[in-house]
Amino acid sequence: VQLQASGGGVEQAGKSLRLSCVVSGRSSSSYAVGWFRQAPGKEREFVAAINRSGGSSLYADSVKGRFTISRDNAKNTVYLQMNSLKPEDTAVYYCAARSGMAAIQDMGRWDYWGQGTQVTVSS
């Protein structure tokens, strides 16, 4: 399976961006999908995840209430809607997939990773 993340860019604080992750090679409904990010000089961290059906999602406390993860299995695509952006959201954002059903935070349990898309938020 391959994952292609897109939608990153430069945006002002308070504005919005939507990231997309296209899953190819197998139906996206076979995977839970998550978003992670890595800021310069920092470790990669969990952002959000959604289970196979889209009926359950999980968020990091730092993005709860501002970010929304969703999926369209007919399009094999998972989205991350990012509202009320903050400069501390600046990072490379990666999508990942796992064969398990559930959305989880533990990075070590994600099987496949995309290449990342840069998000820069200016103050």
C-alpha atoms as a PDB file:
ATOM      1  CA  VAL A   1       0.000   0.000   0.000  1.00  0.00           C
ATOM      2  CA  GLN A   2       1.159   3.570  -0.711  1.00  0.00           C
ATOM      3  CA  LEU A   3       0.087   6.844   0.872  1.00  0.00           C
ATOM      4  CA  GLN A   4       0.320  10.250  -0.767  1.00  0.00           C
ATOM      5  CA  ALA A   5      -0.151  13.318   1.439  1.00  0.00           C
ATOM      6  CA  SER A   6      -0.907  16.722  -0.035  1.00  0.00           C
ATOM      7  CA  GLY A   7      -2.485  20.062   0.776  1.00  0.00           C
ATOM      8  CA  GLY A   8       0.240  21.641   2.846  1.00  0.00           C
ATOM      9  CA  GLY A   9       1.334  25.223   2.384  1.00  0.00           C
ATOM     10  CA  VAL A  10       1.880  28.560   4.083  1.00  0.00           C
ATOM     11  CA  GLU A  11      -1.028  30.097   5.947  1.00  0.00           C
ATOM     12  CA  GLN A  12      -1.574  32.812   8.525  1.00  0.00           C
ATOM     13  CA  ALA A  13      -2.488  32.087  12.121  1.00  0.00           C
ATOM     14  CA  GLY A  14      -6.219  31.735  12.554  1.00  0.00           C
ATOM     15  CA  LYS A  15      -6.781  30.500   9.012  1.00  0.00           C
ATOM     16  CA  SER A  16      -7.494  26.989   7.744  1.00  0.00           C
ATOM     17  CA  LEU A  17      -5.892  24.292   5.623  1.00  0.00           C
ATOM     18  CA  ARG A  18      -7.110  20.870   4.535  1.00  0.00           C
ATOM     19  CA  LEU A  19      -4.691  18.011   4.076  1.00  0.00           C
ATOM     20  CA  SER A  20      -5.492  14.950   1.980  1.00  0.00           C
ATOM     21  CA  CYS A  21      -4.030  11.455   2.127  1.00  0.00           C
ATOM     22  CA  VAL A  22      -4.728   9.170  -0.817  1.00  0.00           C
ATOM     23  CA  VAL A  23      -4.344   5.460  -0.108  1.00  0.00           C
ATOM     24  CA  SER A  24      -3.469   3.287  -3.097  1.00  0.00           C
ATOM     25  CA  GLY A  25      -2.663  -0.355  -3.692  1.00  0.00           C
ATOM     26  CA  ARG A  26      -5.578  -1.619  -1.676  1.00  0.00           C
ATOM     27  CA  SER A  27      -8.941  -0.223  -0.616  1.00  0.00           C
ATOM     28  CA  SER A  28      -8.521   2.406   2.082  1.00  0.00           C
ATOM     29  CA  SER A  29     -11.378   0.787   4.000  1.00  0.00           C
ATOM     30  CA  SER A  30      -8.907  -1.982   4.875  1.00  0.00           C
ATOM     31  CA  TYR A  31      -6.913   0.424   7.060  1.00  0.00           C
ATOM     32  CA  ALA A  32      -7.163   2.760   9.963  1.00  0.00           C
ATOM     33  CA  VAL A  33      -5.421   5.998   8.944  1.00  0.00           C
ATOM     34  CA  GLY A  34      -3.636   8.545  11.076  1.00  0.00           C
ATOM     35  CA  TRP A  35      -1.882  11.879  10.832  1.00  0.00           C
ATOM     36  CA  PHE A  36       1.373  12.646  12.575  1.00  0.00           C
ATOM     37  CA  ARG A  37       3.642  15.688  12.463  1.00  0.00           C
ATOM     38  CA  GLN A  38       7.252  16.567  13.047  1.00  0.00           C
ATOM     39  CA  ALA A  39       8.428  20.087  13.773  1.00  0.00           C
ATOM     40  CA  PRO A  40      12.065  21.122  13.298  1.00  0.00           C
ATOM     41  CA  GLY A  41      14.217  19.789  16.118  1.00  0.00           C
ATOM     42  CA  LYS A  42      11.350  17.829  17.642  1.00  0.00           C
ATOM     43  CA  GLU A  43      10.215  14.232  17.612  1.00  0.00           C
ATOM     44  CA  ARG A  44       7.356  13.085  15.447  1.00  0.00           C
ATOM     45  CA  GLU A  45       4.050  13.218  17.308  1.00  0.00           C
ATOM     46  CA  PHE A  46       0.537  11.941  16.930  1.00  0.00           C
ATOM     47  CA  VAL A  47      -2.104  14.356  15.635  1.00  0.00           C
ATOM     48  CA  ALA A  48      -5.278  12.435  14.791  1.00  0.00           C
ATOM     49  CA  ALA A  49      -6.483   9.041  13.635  1.00  0.00           C
ATOM     50  CA  ILE A  50      -9.655   7.489  12.275  1.00  0.00           C
ATOM     51  CA  ASN A  51     -10.759   3.877  12.248  1.00  0.00           C
ATOM     52  CA  ARG A  52     -11.561   1.835   9.163  1.00  0.00           C
ATOM     53  CA  SER A  53     -15.214   2.744   8.909  1.00  0.00           C
ATOM     54  CA  GLY A  54     -14.817   6.370   9.929  1.00  0.00           C
ATOM     55  CA  GLY A  55     -17.062   5.859  12.922  1.00  0.00           C
ATOM     56  CA  SER A  56     -14.392   6.537  15.523  1.00  0.00           C
ATOM     57  CA  SER A  57     -11.606   9.103  15.717  1.00  0.00           C
ATOM     58  CA  LEU A  58      -8.909  10.142  18.134  1.00  0.00           C
ATOM     59  CA  TYR A  59      -7.122  13.489  18.582  1.00  0.00           C
ATOM     60  CA  ALA A  60      -4.108  14.852  20.356  1.00  0.00           C
ATOM     61  CA  ASP A  61      -5.060  17.334  23.068  1.00  0.00           C
ATOM     62  CA  SER A  62      -3.157  20.078  21.247  1.00  0.00           C
ATOM     63  CA  VAL A  63      -5.476  19.927  18.217  1.00  0.00           C
ATOM     64  CA  LYS A  64      -8.766  18.843  19.778  1.00  0.00           C
ATOM     65  CA  GLY A  65     -11.553  21.213  18.818  1.00  0.00           C
ATOM     66  CA  ARG A  66      -9.524  22.727  15.949  1.00  0.00           C
ATOM     67  CA  PHE A  67      -8.702  19.770  13.696  1.00  0.00           C
ATOM     68  CA  THR A  68     -11.122  17.251  12.217  1.00  0.00           C
ATOM     69  CA  ILE A  69     -10.184  13.971  10.584  1.00  0.00           C
ATOM     70  CA  SER A  70     -12.568  12.347   8.118  1.00  0.00           C
ATOM     71  CA  ARG A  71     -12.482   9.809   5.337  1.00  0.00           C
ATOM     72  CA  ASP A  72     -14.172   9.034   2.048  1.00  0.00           C
ATOM     73  CA  ASN A  73     -13.559   5.353   1.375  1.00  0.00           C
ATOM     74  CA  ALA A  74     -15.140   5.619  -2.073  1.00  0.00           C
ATOM     75  CA  LYS A  75     -12.287   7.989  -2.968  1.00  0.00           C
ATOM     76  CA  ASN A  76      -9.659   6.138  -0.891  1.00  0.00           C
ATOM     77  CA  THR A  77      -8.902   9.455   0.770  1.00  0.00           C
ATOM     78  CA  VAL A  78      -8.539  10.644   4.353  1.00  0.00           C
ATOM     79  CA  TYR A  79      -8.700  14.342   5.181  1.00  0.00           C
ATOM     80  CA  LEU A  80      -7.389  16.506   7.982  1.00  0.00           C
ATOM     81  CA  GLN A  81      -9.280  19.784   8.243  1.00  0.00           C
ATOM     82  CA  MET A  82      -7.160  22.209  10.244  1.00  0.00           C
ATOM     83  CA  ASN A  83      -8.914  25.320  11.540  1.00  0.00           C
ATOM     84  CA  SER A  84      -7.724  28.126  13.801  1.00  0.00           C
ATOM     85  CA  LEU A  85      -4.136  27.402  12.863  1.00  0.00           C
ATOM     86  CA  LYS A  86      -1.381  28.387  15.259  1.00  0.00           C
ATOM     87  CA  PRO A  87       2.331  28.961  14.613  1.00  0.00           C
ATOM     88  CA  GLU A  88       3.042  25.886  16.736  1.00  0.00           C
ATOM     89  CA  ASP A  89       1.195  23.782  14.154  1.00  0.00           C
ATOM     90  CA  THR A  90       4.119  24.365  11.800  1.00  0.00           C
ATOM     91  CA  ALA A  91       5.548  20.954  10.900  1.00  0.00           C
ATOM     92  CA  VAL A  92       5.831  18.306   8.246  1.00  0.00           C
ATOM     93  CA  TYR A  93       2.614  16.313   8.354  1.00  0.00           C
ATOM     94  CA  TYR A  94       2.658  12.598   7.578  1.00  0.00           C
ATOM     95  CA  CYS A  95      -0.204  10.205   7.036  1.00  0.00           C
ATOM     96  CA  ALA A  96       0.091   6.585   8.042  1.00  0.00           C
ATOM     97  CA  ALA A  97      -2.006   3.437   7.757  1.00  0.00           C
ATOM     98  CA  ARG A  98      -2.352   0.314   9.845  1.00  0.00           C
ATOM     99  CA  SER A  99      -4.066  -2.982   9.146  1.00  0.00           C
ATOM    100  CA  GLY A 100      -5.755  -3.012  12.525  1.00  0.00           C
ATOM    101  CA  MET A 101      -9.248  -1.696  12.825  1.00  0.00           C
ATOM    102  CA  ALA A 102      -8.780   0.878  15.558  1.00  0.00           C
ATOM    103  CA  ALA A 103      -7.433   4.402  15.596  1.00  0.00           C
ATOM    104  CA  ILE A 104      -4.496   4.532  18.012  1.00  0.00           C
ATOM    105  CA  GLN A 105      -1.720   6.940  19.007  1.00  0.00           C
ATOM    106  CA  ASP A 106       1.228   4.560  19.265  1.00  0.00           C
ATOM    107  CA  MET A 107       3.456   5.326  16.254  1.00  0.00           C
ATOM    108  CA  GLY A 108       5.175   1.950  16.488  1.00  0.00           C
ATOM    109  CA  ARG A 109       1.963   0.190  15.536  1.00  0.00           C
ATOM    110  CA  TRP A 110       1.447   1.963  12.221  1.00  0.00           C
ATOM    111  CA  ASP A 111       2.523  -0.128   9.232  1.00  0.00           C
ATOM    112  CA  TYR A 112       2.761   2.247   6.266  1.00  0.00           C
ATOM    113  CA  TRP A 113       3.869   5.872   5.976  1.00  0.00           C
ATOM    114  CA  GLY A 114       3.540   8.570   3.342  1.00  0.00           C
ATOM    115  CA  GLN A 115       6.189  11.100   2.397  1.00  0.00           C
ATOM    116  CA  GLY A 116       4.896  14.138   4.284  1.00  0.00           C
ATOM    117  CA  THR A 117       3.627  17.588   3.379  1.00  0.00           C
ATOM    118  CA  GLN A 118       4.929  20.849   4.875  1.00  0.00           C
ATOM    119  CA  VAL A 119       2.584  23.115   6.807  1.00  0.00           C
ATOM    120  CA  THR A 120       3.875  26.548   7.813  1.00  0.00           C
ATOM    121  CA  VAL A 121       1.791  28.901   9.932  1.00  0.00           C
ATOM    122  CA  SER A 122       2.903  32.494  10.222  1.00  0.00           C
ATOM    123  CA  SER A 123       1.989  34.748  13.126  1.00  0.00           C
END
